[in-house]
Amino acid sequence: MSKVKININLNREDKEKMEEICEKLGITMTGAINMFVKKMIVEEGIPFEVSTKKAEKVEFVSFTDEAVEQSMLKMIKKHNKVFEELAK
């Protein structure tokens, strides 16, 4: 499978936050973007809700970094199975 290079523009702060999260998850930004692309292919659309409705103000429960990290790792493991199937 041949590879292509793409360039994207990000807000510096968003890029830095994404790098921190990827580091915690043990993946690269390229890996994270590839996961998004594969999930989009599987879903045949954007893999999360996109709406023109204005977001309601919602109070969020505070989670520890560890709880968030564990939740994200579970999600990545689940989606890795999909990516493995696509690679076959």
Foldseek 3Di string as FASTA:
>chain_A
DDDDDDDDDDDPVVVVVVQVLCVLLVHHPVVVVVLQVLVCVVVVHRPDDDDPDDDDDDDDDDDDPVVVSVVVNVVVVVSVVVVVVVVD
